[in-house]
Amino acid sequence: MLQRMSGIFIGAFFGTVFVVANAHAPLNPALGIALRVLAVLTFAGLLTLALRAGRLGQPADGAGSPRADWFRGRFAFVVGAEVVLLIGGNLALRAAGAPEPTAVAWTALIVGLHFVALSAVWKRRSIAVPGVALTALGVTGLVMAATSAVAWVPFVSGVLSGVALLGGCAYAITHTYRAAVSPRPEGAQ
């Protein structure tokens, strides 16, 4: 369960970072502050729920069964490709004179694709849901960056991507917590 939870912690942390870093103008300042506070509180709540689920033990349905290879092999390849694409793509966009907010859209696109790839590696379809959402928000932001709506790219590709990550993590942690507090009786399928 610890390996699975660490992946969820990472996703929730970066979801929070997406919101905190991008909830700014052209949003109303009060709304930006509210979104940041809500993201941090959501992260804290998810962390608390995950720790509580961990203390209650391993889910009986095997949803949290440890996999020694979760963070090796194909995972390492996916993350390595993600890093290369993030850095290389952002350097190329900067060299091409793309507007600064394009970096947020590119990041959302690549992080989303990384989740889609990990869903196949880990055989967890639920990971693909936030992955597809981030990919779509990244593409939308890249398109918006070429229009007069460029100022809204951080909100669309940043804040909304953070919300998608936090939502995906909330789903995963809630599912794990429920399995931990209501284990199936032995022999039940």
C-alpha atoms as a PDB file:
ATOM      1  CA  MET A   1       0.000   0.000   0.000  1.00  0.00           C
ATOM      2  CA  LEU A   2       2.891   2.346   0.745  1.00  0.00           C
ATOM      3  CA  GLN A   3       4.059   2.373  -2.885  1.00  0.00           C
ATOM      4  CA  ARG A   4       0.555   3.086  -4.170  1.00  0.00           C
ATOM      5  CA  MET A   5       0.049   5.806  -1.563  1.00  0.00           C
ATOM      6  CA  SER A   6       3.351   7.438  -2.479  1.00  0.00           C
ATOM      7  CA  GLY A   7       2.133   7.731  -6.077  1.00  0.00           C
ATOM      8  CA  ILE A   8      -1.103   9.278  -4.856  1.00  0.00           C
ATOM      9  CA  PHE A   9       0.802  11.672  -2.567  1.00  0.00           C
ATOM     10  CA  ILE A  10       2.950  12.782  -5.508  1.00  0.00           C
ATOM     11  CA  GLY A  11      -0.114  13.345  -7.692  1.00  0.00           C
ATOM     12  CA  ALA A  12      -1.937  15.270  -4.954  1.00  0.00           C
ATOM     13  CA  PHE A  13       1.167  17.346  -4.205  1.00  0.00           C
ATOM     14  CA  PHE A  14       1.619  18.334  -7.840  1.00  0.00           C
ATOM     15  CA  GLY A  15      -2.119  18.976  -8.185  1.00  0.00           C
ATOM     16  CA  THR A  16      -1.799  21.397  -5.279  1.00  0.00           C
ATOM     17  CA  VAL A  17       1.278  22.993  -6.885  1.00  0.00           C
ATOM     18  CA  PHE A  18      -0.617  23.422 -10.188  1.00  0.00           C
ATOM     19  CA  VAL A  19      -3.368  25.326  -8.374  1.00  0.00           C
ATOM     20  CA  VAL A  20      -1.156  27.384  -6.052  1.00  0.00           C
ATOM     21  CA  ALA A  21       1.223  28.433  -8.843  1.00  0.00           C
ATOM     22  CA  ASN A  22      -1.469  29.325 -11.368  1.00  0.00           C
ATOM     23  CA  ALA A  23      -4.412  30.816  -9.432  1.00  0.00           C
ATOM     24  CA  HIS A  24      -3.538  34.411 -10.283  1.00  0.00           C
ATOM     25  CA  ALA A  25      -4.576  37.189 -12.675  1.00  0.00           C
ATOM     26  CA  PRO A  26      -6.767  37.410 -14.657  1.00  0.00           C
ATOM     27  CA  LEU A  27      -8.688  35.738 -11.824  1.00  0.00           C
ATOM     28  CA  ASN A  28     -10.117  37.985  -9.168  1.00  0.00           C
ATOM     29  CA  PRO A  29      -7.470  38.108  -6.390  1.00  0.00           C
ATOM     30  CA  ALA A  30      -9.950  36.895  -3.757  1.00  0.00           C
ATOM     31  CA  LEU A  31     -10.902  33.931  -5.938  1.00  0.00           C
ATOM     32  CA  GLY A  32      -7.214  33.138  -6.496  1.00  0.00           C
ATOM     33  CA  ILE A  33      -6.586  33.098  -2.753  1.00  0.00           C
ATOM     34  CA  ALA A  34      -9.677  30.968  -2.143  1.00  0.00           C
ATOM     35  CA  LEU A  35      -8.567  28.438  -4.762  1.00  0.00           C
ATOM     36  CA  ARG A  36      -5.082  28.241  -3.262  1.00  0.00           C
ATOM     37  CA  VAL A  37      -6.418  27.739   0.257  1.00  0.00           C
ATOM     38  CA  LEU A  38      -8.918  25.127  -0.942  1.00  0.00           C
ATOM     39  CA  ALA A  39      -6.155  23.227  -2.775  1.00  0.00           C
ATOM     40  CA  VAL A  40      -3.903  23.176   0.294  1.00  0.00           C
ATOM     41  CA  LEU A  41      -6.783  22.091   2.552  1.00  0.00           C
ATOM     42  CA  THR A  42      -7.745  19.386   0.064  1.00  0.00           C
ATOM     43  CA  PHE A  43      -4.154  18.122   0.037  1.00  0.00           C
ATOM     44  CA  ALA A  44      -4.089  18.072   3.838  1.00  0.00           C
ATOM     45  CA  GLY A  45      -7.387  16.192   3.946  1.00  0.00           C
ATOM     46  CA  LEU A  46      -6.214  13.644   1.387  1.00  0.00           C
ATOM     47  CA  LEU A  47      -2.978  13.144   3.291  1.00  0.00           C
ATOM     48  CA  THR A  48      -4.892  12.598   6.530  1.00  0.00           C
ATOM     49  CA  LEU A  49      -7.286  10.118   4.921  1.00  0.00           C
ATOM     50  CA  ALA A  50      -4.415   8.219   3.281  1.00  0.00           C
ATOM     51  CA  LEU A  51      -2.492   7.967   6.549  1.00  0.00           C
ATOM     52  CA  ARG A  52      -5.616   6.748   8.310  1.00  0.00           C
ATOM     53  CA  ALA A  53      -6.211   4.135   5.596  1.00  0.00           C
ATOM     54  CA  GLY A  54      -2.602   3.021   5.941  1.00  0.00           C
ATOM     55  CA  ARG A  55      -2.991   2.533   9.677  1.00  0.00           C
ATOM     56  CA  LEU A  56      -6.126   0.452   9.160  1.00  0.00           C
ATOM     57  CA  GLY A  57      -4.167  -2.012   7.078  1.00  0.00           C
ATOM     58  CA  GLN A  58      -4.055  -3.511   3.655  1.00  0.00           C
ATOM     59  CA  PRO A  59      -7.351  -3.629   1.744  1.00  0.00           C
ATOM     60  CA  ALA A  60      -8.711  -7.149   1.488  1.00  0.00           C
ATOM     61  CA  ASP A  61      -9.481  -6.786  -2.233  1.00  0.00           C
ATOM     62  CA  GLY A  62      -5.798  -6.460  -3.116  1.00  0.00           C
ATOM     63  CA  ALA A  63      -6.240  -2.923  -4.468  1.00  0.00           C
ATOM     64  CA  GLY A  64      -3.269  -1.803  -2.456  1.00  0.00           C
ATOM     65  CA  SER A  65      -1.149  -4.921  -2.779  1.00  0.00           C
ATOM     66  CA  PRO A  66       2.522  -4.062  -2.931  1.00  0.00           C
ATOM     67  CA  ARG A  67       4.284  -4.258  -6.248  1.00  0.00           C
ATOM     68  CA  ALA A  68       8.037  -4.130  -6.015  1.00  0.00           C
ATOM     69  CA  ASP A  69       8.287  -3.031  -9.636  1.00  0.00           C
ATOM     70  CA  TRP A  70       5.897  -0.067  -9.534  1.00  0.00           C
ATOM     71  CA  PHE A  71       8.743   2.441  -9.581  1.00  0.00           C
ATOM     72  CA  ARG A  72      11.201   0.542 -11.795  1.00  0.00           C
ATOM     73  CA  GLY A  73      11.472  -0.660 -15.374  1.00  0.00           C
ATOM     74  CA  ARG A  74       8.724   0.775 -17.545  1.00  0.00           C
ATOM     75  CA  PHE A  75       7.845   3.354 -14.900  1.00  0.00           C
ATOM     76  CA  ALA A  76      11.397   4.692 -15.040  1.00  0.00           C
ATOM     77  CA  PHE A  77      11.193   4.840 -18.834  1.00  0.00           C
ATOM     78  CA  VAL A  78       7.899   6.764 -18.735  1.00  0.00           C
ATOM     79  CA  VAL A  79       9.227   9.244 -16.166  1.00  0.00           C
ATOM     80  CA  GLY A  80      12.504   9.635 -18.091  1.00  0.00           C
ATOM     81  CA  ALA A  81      10.591  10.380 -21.290  1.00  0.00           C
ATOM     82  CA  GLU A  82       8.408  12.818 -19.370  1.00  0.00           C
ATOM     83  CA  VAL A  83      11.437  14.740 -18.077  1.00  0.00           C
ATOM     84  CA  VAL A  84      13.033  14.899 -21.539  1.00  0.00           C
ATOM     85  CA  LEU A  85       9.781  16.076 -23.136  1.00  0.00           C
ATOM     86  CA  LEU A  86       9.113  18.641 -20.399  1.00  0.00           C
ATOM     87  CA  ILE A  87      12.561  20.207 -20.612  1.00  0.00           C
ATOM     88  CA  GLY A  88      13.052  19.842 -24.365  1.00  0.00           C
ATOM     89  CA  GLY A  89       9.560  21.017 -25.213  1.00  0.00           C
ATOM     90  CA  ASN A  90       9.726  24.046 -22.955  1.00  0.00           C
ATOM     91  CA  LEU A  91      13.134  25.002 -24.359  1.00  0.00           C
ATOM     92  CA  ALA A  92      11.811  24.644 -27.904  1.00  0.00           C
ATOM     93  CA  LEU A  93       8.713  26.715 -27.104  1.00  0.00           C
ATOM     94  CA  ARG A  94      10.853  29.428 -25.529  1.00  0.00           C
ATOM     95  CA  ALA A  95      13.241  29.421 -28.523  1.00  0.00           C
ATOM     96  CA  ALA A  96      10.262  29.739 -30.864  1.00  0.00           C
ATOM     97  CA  GLY A  97       9.076  32.827 -28.984  1.00  0.00           C
ATOM     98  CA  ALA A  98       5.920  31.218 -27.586  1.00  0.00           C
ATOM     99  CA  PRO A  99       4.146  33.224 -24.877  1.00  0.00           C
ATOM    100  CA  GLU A 100       5.246  32.411 -21.314  1.00  0.00           C
ATOM    101  CA  PRO A 101       1.914  30.743 -20.317  1.00  0.00           C
ATOM    102  CA  THR A 102       2.558  28.130 -22.992  1.00  0.00           C
ATOM    103  CA  ALA A 103       4.913  26.433 -20.515  1.00  0.00           C
ATOM    104  CA  VAL A 104       1.968  25.641 -18.233  1.00  0.00           C
ATOM    105  CA  ALA A 105      -0.007  24.158 -21.122  1.00  0.00           C
ATOM    106  CA  TRP A 106       2.961  22.079 -22.278  1.00  0.00           C
ATOM    107  CA  THR A 107       3.517  20.808 -18.741  1.00  0.00           C
ATOM    108  CA  ALA A 108      -0.144  19.799 -18.397  1.00  0.00           C
ATOM    109  CA  LEU A 109      -0.012  18.001 -21.760  1.00  0.00           C
ATOM    110  CA  ILE A 110       3.117  16.006 -20.934  1.00  0.00           C
ATOM    111  CA  VAL A 111       2.042  15.192 -17.369  1.00  0.00           C
ATOM    112  CA  GLY A 112      -1.306  14.026 -18.732  1.00  0.00           C
ATOM    113  CA  LEU A 113       0.341  11.783 -21.315  1.00  0.00           C
ATOM    114  CA  HIS A 114       2.603  10.412 -18.573  1.00  0.00           C
ATOM    115  CA  PHE A 115      -0.482   9.375 -16.550  1.00  0.00           C
ATOM    116  CA  VAL A 116      -2.056   7.741 -19.605  1.00  0.00           C
ATOM    117  CA  ALA A 117       1.158   5.754 -20.153  1.00  0.00           C
ATOM    118  CA  LEU A 118       1.353   4.811 -16.459  1.00  0.00           C
ATOM    119  CA  SER A 119      -2.211   3.528 -16.547  1.00  0.00           C
ATOM    120  CA  ALA A 120      -1.014   0.907 -19.024  1.00  0.00           C
ATOM    121  CA  VAL A 121       2.199   0.183 -17.097  1.00  0.00           C
ATOM    122  CA  TRP A 122       0.420  -0.230 -13.758  1.00  0.00           C
ATOM    123  CA  LYS A 123      -2.766  -1.687 -15.253  1.00  0.00           C
ATOM    124  CA  ARG A 124      -4.888   0.878 -13.404  1.00  0.00           C
ATOM    125  CA  ARG A 125      -7.490   2.401 -15.718  1.00  0.00           C
ATOM    126  CA  SER A 126      -8.433   4.967 -13.087  1.00  0.00           C
ATOM    127  CA  ILE A 127      -5.060   6.689 -13.609  1.00  0.00           C
ATOM    128  CA  ALA A 128      -5.990   7.349 -17.235  1.00  0.00           C
ATOM    129  CA  VAL A 129      -8.944   9.551 -16.240  1.00  0.00           C
ATOM    130  CA  PRO A 130      -6.916  12.460 -14.821  1.00  0.00           C
ATOM    131  CA  GLY A 131      -4.339  11.752 -17.536  1.00  0.00           C
ATOM    132  CA  VAL A 132      -6.856  12.313 -20.307  1.00  0.00           C
ATOM    133  CA  ALA A 133      -8.184  15.401 -18.511  1.00  0.00           C
ATOM    134  CA  LEU A 134      -4.693  16.935 -18.177  1.00  0.00           C
ATOM    135  CA  THR A 135      -3.866  16.073 -21.786  1.00  0.00           C
ATOM    136  CA  ALA A 136      -7.041  17.804 -22.975  1.00  0.00           C
ATOM    137  CA  LEU A 137      -6.415  20.841 -20.745  1.00  0.00           C
ATOM    138  CA  GLY A 138      -2.835  21.045 -22.023  1.00  0.00           C
ATOM    139  CA  VAL A 139      -3.923  20.933 -25.664  1.00  0.00           C
ATOM    140  CA  THR A 140      -6.621  23.514 -24.948  1.00  0.00           C
ATOM    141  CA  GLY A 141      -4.040  25.801 -23.343  1.00  0.00           C
ATOM    142  CA  LEU A 142      -1.661  25.441 -26.280  1.00  0.00           C
ATOM    143  CA  VAL A 143      -4.454  26.445 -28.652  1.00  0.00           C
ATOM    144  CA  MET A 144      -5.466  29.334 -26.374  1.00  0.00           C
ATOM    145  CA  ALA A 145      -1.850  30.560 -26.253  1.00  0.00           C
ATOM    146  CA  ALA A 146      -2.134  31.473 -29.921  1.00  0.00           C
ATOM    147  CA  THR A 147      -5.216  33.621 -29.289  1.00  0.00           C
ATOM    148  CA  SER A 148      -6.188  36.694 -27.318  1.00  0.00           C
ATOM    149  CA  ALA A 149      -7.205  34.335 -24.492  1.00  0.00           C
ATOM    150  CA  VAL A 150      -3.536  33.633 -23.650  1.00  0.00           C
ATOM    151  CA  ALA A 151      -3.925  35.240 -20.198  1.00  0.00           C
ATOM    152  CA  TRP A 152      -6.361  32.445 -19.252  1.00  0.00           C
ATOM    153  CA  VAL A 153      -3.941  29.608 -20.075  1.00  0.00           C
ATOM    154  CA  PRO A 154      -2.660  29.357 -16.458  1.00  0.00           C
ATOM    155  CA  PHE A 155      -6.228  28.941 -15.225  1.00  0.00           C
ATOM    156  CA  VAL A 156      -7.265  26.398 -17.864  1.00  0.00           C
ATOM    157  CA  SER A 157      -4.058  24.372 -18.074  1.00  0.00           C
ATOM    158  CA  GLY A 158      -2.815  25.036 -14.544  1.00  0.00           C
ATOM    159  CA  VAL A 159      -5.650  25.452 -12.053  1.00  0.00           C
ATOM    160  CA  LEU A 160      -8.043  23.066 -13.786  1.00  0.00           C
ATOM    161  CA  SER A 161      -5.249  20.495 -14.209  1.00  0.00           C
ATOM    162  CA  GLY A 162      -4.569  20.770 -10.482  1.00  0.00           C
ATOM    163  CA  VAL A 163      -8.236  20.218  -9.752  1.00  0.00           C
ATOM    164  CA  ALA A 164      -8.217  17.142 -12.025  1.00  0.00           C
ATOM    165  CA  LEU A 165      -5.162  15.719 -10.233  1.00  0.00           C
ATOM    166  CA  LEU A 166      -6.607  16.396  -6.787  1.00  0.00           C
ATOM    167  CA  GLY A 167      -9.909  14.867  -7.862  1.00  0.00           C
ATOM    168  CA  GLY A 168      -8.212  11.745  -9.211  1.00  0.00           C
ATOM    169  CA  CYS A 169      -6.205  11.387  -6.024  1.00  0.00           C
ATOM    170  CA  ALA A 170      -9.322  11.927  -3.916  1.00  0.00           C
ATOM    171  CA  TYR A 171     -11.036   9.115  -5.802  1.00  0.00           C
ATOM    172  CA  ALA A 172      -8.077   6.755  -5.308  1.00  0.00           C
ATOM    173  CA  ILE A 173      -7.616   7.561  -1.624  1.00  0.00           C
ATOM    174  CA  THR A 174     -11.344   7.331  -0.909  1.00  0.00           C
ATOM    175  CA  HIS A 175     -11.497   3.942  -2.647  1.00  0.00           C
ATOM    176  CA  THR A 176      -8.490   2.702  -0.660  1.00  0.00           C
ATOM    177  CA  TYR A 177      -9.889   4.062   2.613  1.00  0.00           C
ATOM    178  CA  ARG A 178     -13.278   2.422   2.055  1.00  0.00           C
ATOM    179  CA  ALA A 179     -11.595  -0.885   1.284  1.00  0.00           C
ATOM    180  CA  ALA A 180      -9.535  -0.578   4.475  1.00  0.00           C
ATOM    181  CA  VAL A 181     -12.483   0.227   6.768  1.00  0.00           C
ATOM    182  CA  SER A 182     -14.875  -2.269   5.175  1.00  0.00           C
ATOM    183  CA  PRO A 183     -12.778  -5.274   4.229  1.00  0.00           C
ATOM    184  CA  ARG A 184     -14.558  -8.056   2.410  1.00  0.00           C
ATOM    185  CA  PRO A 185     -15.176 -11.193   4.446  1.00  0.00           C
ATOM    186  CA  GLU A 186     -12.814 -14.066   3.728  1.00  0.00           C
ATOM    187  CA  GLY A 187     -13.875 -16.017   0.677  1.00  0.00           C
ATOM    188  CA  ALA A 188     -16.023 -13.153  -0.677  1.00  0.00           C
ATOM    189  CA  GLN A 189     -15.454 -12.148  -4.273  1.00  0.00           C
END
